[in-house]
Amino acid sequence: MRSYRFELALGLVFVLLILAVWCWQNPGGLRQPLSRPEQEHFLAELEKLPLPEAERQALRPVLSAWMQGDDGRPFYMLNLMRYHPALQPLPGAPAFAGTPQQSNAYYEDRVMPLLLKVGGQPLYAGTIEDANLLEHAEELDHWSRLLLVRYPNRRAFLKLLADPAYAPIEPYKFMALKVMLTPTMPEMVLPPLYALLAALLLPLYLAIGWWRAVRAQRA
């Protein structure tokens, strides 16, 4: 009688792989909104970021209101960026001899492990190569770069900003460019990564099982 131990082991590996990706993209499992103590903790931690005082004061009420509206669901952060003509002075910023583009590239390279650690997933990054086709007001036109990131929840985004490893690299972004961070709630999106992985691995598993069954019959 033919043994199915290989198929069972392979199926278990695939299930564990899908489960691992699901856990990575859904840290904590349940969609729990931010508690009041958590909100106060993150506000205190974000005070440590090396931002100009005027921007810090403007950020606090906006961020507080955003946290209070948390429903625990995933969201997508639109990053719309415009490079400065030259690096801008920033309190506590490190010395950097490169261009604004190089400074932001340095930031993005080093923030990526922190983003992945909290379950964030970059979905699209691109360079804007021309002027807007419809709106041409100076404040709305001539953007440089666009980045779209999926976060499993608002807690994950705040954990990224509060990570002790984040503050030292944050100046490389803000001295390089002006950025609009726009949280958006999904309405029509591609399936999450774990669902796409399951859709890929299931036919692969069935194909391997069929191929091994054919070989066993011919042996």
C-alpha atoms as a PDB file:
ATOM      1  CA  MET A   1       0.000   0.000   0.000  1.00  0.00           C
ATOM      2  CA  ARG A   2       1.368   3.418  -1.016  1.00  0.00           C
ATOM      3  CA  SER A   3       2.414   5.741   1.807  1.00  0.00           C
ATOM      4  CA  TYR A   4       1.128   9.291   1.827  1.00  0.00           C
ATOM      5  CA  ARG A   5       3.576  10.555   4.425  1.00  0.00           C
ATOM      6  CA  PHE A   6       5.313  12.872   1.954  1.00  0.00           C
ATOM      7  CA  GLU A   7       2.034  14.485   0.840  1.00  0.00           C
ATOM      8  CA  LEU A   8       0.923  14.919   4.448  1.00  0.00           C
ATOM      9  CA  ALA A   9       4.255  16.469   5.417  1.00  0.00           C
ATOM     10  CA  LEU A  10       4.242  18.773   2.394  1.00  0.00           C
ATOM     11  CA  GLY A  11       0.655  19.818   3.104  1.00  0.00           C
ATOM     12  CA  LEU A  12       1.573  20.588   6.701  1.00  0.00           C
ATOM     13  CA  VAL A  13       4.538  22.713   5.561  1.00  0.00           C
ATOM     14  CA  PHE A  14       2.304  24.672   3.178  1.00  0.00           C
ATOM     15  CA  VAL A  15      -0.352  25.215   5.861  1.00  0.00           C
ATOM     16  CA  LEU A  16       2.284  26.408   8.338  1.00  0.00           C
ATOM     17  CA  LEU A  17       3.745  28.751   5.723  1.00  0.00           C
ATOM     18  CA  ILE A  18       0.329  30.282   4.998  1.00  0.00           C
ATOM     19  CA  LEU A  19      -0.370  30.553   8.738  1.00  0.00           C
ATOM     20  CA  ALA A  20       2.991  32.260   9.311  1.00  0.00           C
ATOM     21  CA  VAL A  21       2.234  34.876   6.644  1.00  0.00           C
ATOM     22  CA  TRP A  22      -1.260  35.393   8.079  1.00  0.00           C
ATOM     23  CA  CYS A  23       0.167  35.923  11.576  1.00  0.00           C
ATOM     24  CA  TRP A  24       2.744  38.366  10.183  1.00  0.00           C
ATOM     25  CA  GLN A  25       0.050  40.415   8.434  1.00  0.00           C
ATOM     26  CA  ASN A  26      -2.374  40.175  11.371  1.00  0.00           C
ATOM     27  CA  PRO A  27      -0.254  40.689  14.502  1.00  0.00           C
ATOM     28  CA  GLY A  28      -2.235  39.883  17.613  1.00  0.00           C
ATOM     29  CA  GLY A  29      -4.886  38.065  15.589  1.00  0.00           C
ATOM     30  CA  LEU A  30      -7.959  39.903  16.875  1.00  0.00           C
ATOM     31  CA  ARG A  31      -8.754  43.403  15.631  1.00  0.00           C
ATOM     32  CA  GLN A  32      -8.614  45.310  18.884  1.00  0.00           C
ATOM     33  CA  PRO A  33      -8.840  49.121  18.705  1.00  0.00           C
ATOM     34  CA  LEU A  34      -6.190  51.113  20.503  1.00  0.00           C
ATOM     35  CA  SER A  35      -6.894  51.459  24.201  1.00  0.00           C
ATOM     36  CA  ARG A  36      -6.608  54.814  25.934  1.00  0.00           C
ATOM     37  CA  PRO A  37      -3.353  53.827  27.740  1.00  0.00           C
ATOM     38  CA  GLU A  38      -1.891  52.738  24.402  1.00  0.00           C
ATOM     39  CA  GLN A  39      -2.808  56.063  22.828  1.00  0.00           C
ATOM     40  CA  GLU A  40      -1.144  57.973  25.642  1.00  0.00           C
ATOM     41  CA  HIS A  41       1.926  55.737  25.403  1.00  0.00           C
ATOM     42  CA  PHE A  42       2.344  56.314  21.679  1.00  0.00           C
ATOM     43  CA  LEU A  43       1.818  60.062  22.002  1.00  0.00           C
ATOM     44  CA  ALA A  44       4.570  60.146  24.630  1.00  0.00           C
ATOM     45  CA  GLU A  45       6.898  58.070  22.458  1.00  0.00           C
ATOM     46  CA  LEU A  46       6.310  60.200  19.369  1.00  0.00           C
ATOM     47  CA  GLU A  47       7.322  63.282  21.353  1.00  0.00           C
ATOM     48  CA  LYS A  48      10.850  61.849  21.169  1.00  0.00           C
ATOM     49  CA  LEU A  49      11.023  62.040  17.376  1.00  0.00           C
ATOM     50  CA  PRO A  50      13.385  64.762  16.095  1.00  0.00           C
ATOM     51  CA  LEU A  51      10.740  67.001  14.530  1.00  0.00           C
ATOM     52  CA  PRO A  52      10.650  70.807  14.439  1.00  0.00           C
ATOM     53  CA  GLU A  53       8.562  72.068  17.350  1.00  0.00           C
ATOM     54  CA  ALA A  54       5.922  73.666  15.129  1.00  0.00           C
ATOM     55  CA  GLU A  55       5.354  70.390  13.292  1.00  0.00           C
ATOM     56  CA  ARG A  56       5.268  68.469  16.574  1.00  0.00           C
ATOM     57  CA  GLN A  57       2.574  70.733  17.965  1.00  0.00           C
ATOM     58  CA  ALA A  58       0.519  70.430  14.761  1.00  0.00           C
ATOM     59  CA  LEU A  59       0.929  66.632  14.646  1.00  0.00           C
ATOM     60  CA  ARG A  60      -0.202  65.874  18.182  1.00  0.00           C
ATOM     61  CA  PRO A  61      -3.960  66.740  17.923  1.00  0.00           C
ATOM     62  CA  VAL A  62      -4.270  65.211  14.446  1.00  0.00           C
ATOM     63  CA  LEU A  63      -2.598  61.989  15.539  1.00  0.00           C
ATOM     64  CA  SER A  64      -4.635  61.877  18.744  1.00  0.00           C
ATOM     65  CA  ALA A  65      -7.902  62.169  16.811  1.00  0.00           C
ATOM     66  CA  TRP A  66      -6.735  59.489  14.351  1.00  0.00           C
ATOM     67  CA  MET A  67      -5.947  57.085  17.188  1.00  0.00           C
ATOM     68  CA  GLN A  68      -9.315  57.709  18.859  1.00  0.00           C
ATOM     69  CA  GLY A  69     -11.053  56.695  15.623  1.00  0.00           C
ATOM     70  CA  ASP A  70      -9.249  53.352  15.462  1.00  0.00           C
ATOM     71  CA  ASP A  71     -11.378  50.289  14.654  1.00  0.00           C
ATOM     72  CA  GLY A  72      -8.529  47.754  14.561  1.00  0.00           C
ATOM     73  CA  ARG A  73      -8.842  47.192  10.812  1.00  0.00           C
ATOM     74  CA  PRO A  74      -6.032  47.217   8.220  1.00  0.00           C
ATOM     75  CA  PHE A  75      -5.454  50.465   6.349  1.00  0.00           C
ATOM     76  CA  TYR A  76      -3.306  51.794   3.532  1.00  0.00           C
ATOM     77  CA  MET A  77      -0.954  54.734   3.958  1.00  0.00           C
ATOM     78  CA  LEU A  78      -0.409  56.891   0.890  1.00  0.00           C
ATOM     79  CA  ASN A  79       2.966  58.645   0.963  1.00  0.00           C
ATOM     80  CA  LEU A  80       3.087  61.531  -1.522  1.00  0.00           C
ATOM     81  CA  MET A  81       6.532  63.110  -1.576  1.00  0.00           C
ATOM     82  CA  ARG A  82       8.180  66.192  -3.064  1.00  0.00           C
ATOM     83  CA  TYR A  83      11.974  66.503  -2.912  1.00  0.00           C
ATOM     84  CA  HIS A  84      13.519  69.735  -1.670  1.00  0.00           C
ATOM     85  CA  PRO A  85      16.000  71.377  -4.068  1.00  0.00           C
ATOM     86  CA  ALA A  86      18.683  70.725  -1.423  1.00  0.00           C
ATOM     87  CA  LEU A  87      18.795  69.048   1.979  1.00  0.00           C
ATOM     88  CA  GLN A  88      16.987  71.139   4.591  1.00  0.00           C
ATOM     89  CA  PRO A  89      18.372  71.825   8.070  1.00  0.00           C
ATOM     90  CA  LEU A  90      16.588  69.831  10.758  1.00  0.00           C
ATOM     91  CA  PRO A  91      17.186  69.879  14.526  1.00  0.00           C
ATOM     92  CA  GLY A  92      19.298  66.884  15.479  1.00  0.00           C
ATOM     93  CA  ALA A  93      19.791  65.778  11.883  1.00  0.00           C
ATOM     94  CA  PRO A  94      23.022  63.921  11.112  1.00  0.00           C
ATOM     95  CA  ALA A  95      25.560  65.218   8.617  1.00  0.00           C
ATOM     96  CA  PHE A  96      24.870  63.857   5.140  1.00  0.00           C
ATOM     97  CA  ALA A  97      26.756  64.821   1.993  1.00  0.00           C
ATOM     98  CA  GLY A  98      24.375  63.359  -0.590  1.00  0.00           C
ATOM     99  CA  THR A  99      21.396  64.665  -2.508  1.00  0.00           C
ATOM    100  CA  PRO A 100      17.799  64.669  -1.200  1.00  0.00           C
ATOM    101  CA  GLN A 101      17.130  61.607  -3.359  1.00  0.00           C
ATOM    102  CA  GLN A 102      20.082  59.775  -1.812  1.00  0.00           C
ATOM    103  CA  SER A 103      19.034  60.794   1.681  1.00  0.00           C
ATOM    104  CA  ASN A 104      15.518  59.429   1.191  1.00  0.00           C
ATOM    105  CA  ALA A 105      16.900  56.222  -0.367  1.00  0.00           C
ATOM    106  CA  TYR A 106      19.092  55.812   2.728  1.00  0.00           C
ATOM    107  CA  TYR A 107      15.981  56.224   4.894  1.00  0.00           C
ATOM    108  CA  GLU A 108      13.859  53.773   2.903  1.00  0.00           C
ATOM    109  CA  ASP A 109      16.562  51.083   2.927  1.00  0.00           C
ATOM    110  CA  ARG A 110      16.859  51.238   6.699  1.00  0.00           C
ATOM    111  CA  VAL A 111      13.184  51.609   7.542  1.00  0.00           C
ATOM    112  CA  MET A 112      12.199  48.529   5.526  1.00  0.00           C
ATOM    113  CA  PRO A 113      13.192  45.941   8.206  1.00  0.00           C
ATOM    114  CA  LEU A 114      11.274  47.964  10.819  1.00  0.00           C
ATOM    115  CA  LEU A 115       8.238  48.096   8.535  1.00  0.00           C
ATOM    116  CA  LEU A 116       8.287  44.350   7.881  1.00  0.00           C
ATOM    117  CA  LYS A 117       8.699  43.659  11.600  1.00  0.00           C
ATOM    118  CA  VAL A 118       5.329  45.262  12.395  1.00  0.00           C
ATOM    119  CA  GLY A 119       3.558  43.507   9.502  1.00  0.00           C
ATOM    120  CA  GLY A 120       3.675  46.406   7.061  1.00  0.00           C
ATOM    121  CA  GLN A 121       3.751  45.560   3.361  1.00  0.00           C
ATOM    122  CA  PRO A 122       4.901  47.998   0.660  1.00  0.00           C
ATOM    123  CA  LEU A 123       2.535  47.594  -2.297  1.00  0.00           C
ATOM    124  CA  TYR A 124       3.722  50.214  -4.754  1.00  0.00           C
ATOM    125  CA  ALA A 125       6.578  52.676  -5.089  1.00  0.00           C
ATOM    126  CA  GLY A 126       7.191  54.899  -8.068  1.00  0.00           C
ATOM    127  CA  THR A 127       8.765  58.091  -9.358  1.00  0.00           C
ATOM    128  CA  ILE A 128       6.427  60.805 -10.634  1.00  0.00           C
ATOM    129  CA  GLU A 129       7.879  61.868 -13.956  1.00  0.00           C
ATOM    130  CA  ASP A 130       5.669  64.745 -15.097  1.00  0.00           C
ATOM    131  CA  ALA A 131       3.180  67.385 -14.044  1.00  0.00           C
ATOM    132  CA  ASN A 132      -0.414  66.603 -13.091  1.00  0.00           C
ATOM    133  CA  LEU A 133      -2.789  66.267 -16.015  1.00  0.00           C
ATOM    134  CA  LEU A 134      -5.728  68.033 -14.347  1.00  0.00           C
ATOM    135  CA  GLU A 135      -4.709  70.105 -11.308  1.00  0.00           C
ATOM    136  CA  HIS A 136      -1.841  72.556 -11.666  1.00  0.00           C
ATOM    137  CA  ALA A 137      -1.909  74.599  -8.459  1.00  0.00           C
ATOM    138  CA  GLU A 138       1.620  74.831  -7.100  1.00  0.00           C
ATOM    139  CA  GLU A 139       0.822  73.056  -3.824  1.00  0.00           C
ATOM    140  CA  LEU A 140      -0.862  70.171  -5.686  1.00  0.00           C
ATOM    141  CA  ASP A 141       1.575  69.698  -8.558  1.00  0.00           C
ATOM    142  CA  HIS A 142       5.154  68.595  -9.183  1.00  0.00           C
ATOM    143  CA  TRP A 143       5.335  65.705  -6.737  1.00  0.00           C
ATOM    144  CA  SER A 144       8.436  63.500  -6.886  1.00  0.00           C
ATOM    145  CA  ARG A 145       7.606  60.085  -5.505  1.00  0.00           C
ATOM    146  CA  LEU A 146       4.668  57.949  -4.401  1.00  0.00           C
ATOM    147  CA  LEU A 147       4.622  55.051  -1.976  1.00  0.00           C
ATOM    148  CA  LEU A 148       1.651  52.944  -0.861  1.00  0.00           C
ATOM    149  CA  VAL A 149       1.994  50.744   2.248  1.00  0.00           C
ATOM    150  CA  ARG A 150      -0.479  48.316   3.826  1.00  0.00           C
ATOM    151  CA  TYR A 151      -0.511  48.243   7.624  1.00  0.00           C
ATOM    152  CA  PRO A 152      -2.398  45.538   9.553  1.00  0.00           C
ATOM    153  CA  ASN A 153      -3.769  48.243  11.873  1.00  0.00           C
ATOM    154  CA  ARG A 154      -2.991  51.682  13.275  1.00  0.00           C
ATOM    155  CA  ARG A 155      -1.155  50.089  16.184  1.00  0.00           C
ATOM    156  CA  ALA A 156       1.417  48.650  13.754  1.00  0.00           C
ATOM    157  CA  PHE A 157       2.080  52.074  12.209  1.00  0.00           C
ATOM    158  CA  LEU A 158       2.525  53.659  15.625  1.00  0.00           C
ATOM    159  CA  LYS A 159       4.820  50.841  16.746  1.00  0.00           C
ATOM    160  CA  LEU A 160       7.012  51.592  13.758  1.00  0.00           C
ATOM    161  CA  LEU A 161       7.289  55.267  14.688  1.00  0.00           C
ATOM    162  CA  ALA A 162       7.903  54.429  18.364  1.00  0.00           C
ATOM    163  CA  ASP A 163      10.616  51.848  17.619  1.00  0.00           C
ATOM    164  CA  PRO A 164      13.907  53.091  19.163  1.00  0.00           C
ATOM    165  CA  ALA A 165      15.634  52.276  15.880  1.00  0.00           C
ATOM    166  CA  TYR A 166      13.339  54.627  13.958  1.00  0.00           C
ATOM    167  CA  ALA A 167      14.238  58.000  15.462  1.00  0.00           C
ATOM    168  CA  PRO A 168      17.888  57.978  14.240  1.00  0.00           C
ATOM    169  CA  ILE A 169      16.844  57.422  10.608  1.00  0.00           C
ATOM    170  CA  GLU A 170      13.757  59.658  10.540  1.00  0.00           C
ATOM    171  CA  PRO A 171      15.721  62.892   9.804  1.00  0.00           C
ATOM    172  CA  TYR A 172      17.037  61.453   6.528  1.00  0.00           C
ATOM    173  CA  LYS A 173      13.466  61.542   5.180  1.00  0.00           C
ATOM    174  CA  PHE A 174      12.300  64.904   6.450  1.00  0.00           C
ATOM    175  CA  MET A 175      15.442  66.834   5.532  1.00  0.00           C
ATOM    176  CA  ALA A 176      15.138  65.383   2.010  1.00  0.00           C
ATOM    177  CA  LEU A 177      11.498  66.025   1.155  1.00  0.00           C
ATOM    178  CA  LYS A 178       8.035  67.243   2.001  1.00  0.00           C
ATOM    179  CA  VAL A 179       5.639  64.343   2.530  1.00  0.00           C
ATOM    180  CA  MET A 180       1.887  63.955   2.803  1.00  0.00           C
ATOM    181  CA  LEU A 181       0.838  60.904   4.827  1.00  0.00           C
ATOM    182  CA  THR A 182      -2.755  60.050   3.985  1.00  0.00           C
ATOM    183  CA  PRO A 183      -4.398  57.053   5.729  1.00  0.00           C
ATOM    184  CA  THR A 184      -7.015  55.371   3.540  1.00  0.00           C
ATOM    185  CA  MET A 185      -9.503  52.596   4.258  1.00  0.00           C
ATOM    186  CA  PRO A 186      -9.745  49.832   1.633  1.00  0.00           C
ATOM    187  CA  GLU A 187     -12.763  49.514  -0.627  1.00  0.00           C
ATOM    188  CA  MET A 188     -11.406  47.513  -3.566  1.00  0.00           C
ATOM    189  CA  VAL A 189      -8.020  45.810  -3.222  1.00  0.00           C
ATOM    190  CA  LEU A 190      -6.198  42.675  -4.254  1.00  0.00           C
ATOM    191  CA  PRO A 191      -6.456  39.740  -1.827  1.00  0.00           C
ATOM    192  CA  PRO A 192      -3.924  39.830   1.044  1.00  0.00           C
ATOM    193  CA  LEU A 193      -0.596  38.092   0.627  1.00  0.00           C
ATOM    194  CA  TYR A 194      -1.552  35.004   2.636  1.00  0.00           C
ATOM    195  CA  ALA A 195      -4.616  34.435   0.410  1.00  0.00           C
ATOM    196  CA  LEU A 196      -2.519  34.762  -2.741  1.00  0.00           C
ATOM    197  CA  LEU A 197       0.000  32.349  -1.240  1.00  0.00           C
ATOM    198  CA  ALA A 198      -2.745  29.821  -0.490  1.00  0.00           C
ATOM    199  CA  ALA A 199      -4.077  30.149  -4.051  1.00  0.00           C
ATOM    200  CA  LEU A 200      -0.579  29.443  -5.369  1.00  0.00           C
ATOM    201  CA  LEU A 201       0.318  26.575  -3.049  1.00  0.00           C
ATOM    202  CA  LEU A 202      -2.944  24.609  -3.347  1.00  0.00           C
ATOM    203  CA  PRO A 203      -2.602  23.791  -7.081  1.00  0.00           C
ATOM    204  CA  LEU A 204       1.098  23.154  -6.548  1.00  0.00           C
ATOM    205  CA  TYR A 205       0.280  20.669  -3.780  1.00  0.00           C
ATOM    206  CA  LEU A 206      -2.317  18.907  -5.942  1.00  0.00           C
ATOM    207  CA  ALA A 207       0.071  18.779  -8.910  1.00  0.00           C
ATOM    208  CA  ILE A 208       2.832  17.242  -6.797  1.00  0.00           C
ATOM    209  CA  GLY A 209       0.427  14.661  -5.376  1.00  0.00           C
ATOM    210  CA  TRP A 210      -0.805  13.747  -8.871  1.00  0.00           C
ATOM    211  CA  TRP A 211       2.748  13.467 -10.208  1.00  0.00           C
ATOM    212  CA  ARG A 212       3.843  11.196  -7.360  1.00  0.00           C
ATOM    213  CA  ALA A 213       0.734   9.016  -7.783  1.00  0.00           C
ATOM    214  CA  VAL A 214       1.479   8.587 -11.501  1.00  0.00           C
ATOM    215  CA  ARG A 215       5.092   7.665 -10.742  1.00  0.00           C
ATOM    216  CA  ALA A 216       3.989   5.149  -8.091  1.00  0.00           C
ATOM    217  CA  GLN A 217       1.636   3.430 -10.577  1.00  0.00           C
ATOM    218  CA  ARG A 218       4.388   3.153 -13.185  1.00  0.00           C
ATOM    219  CA  ALA A 219       6.935   1.771 -10.728  1.00  0.00           C
END
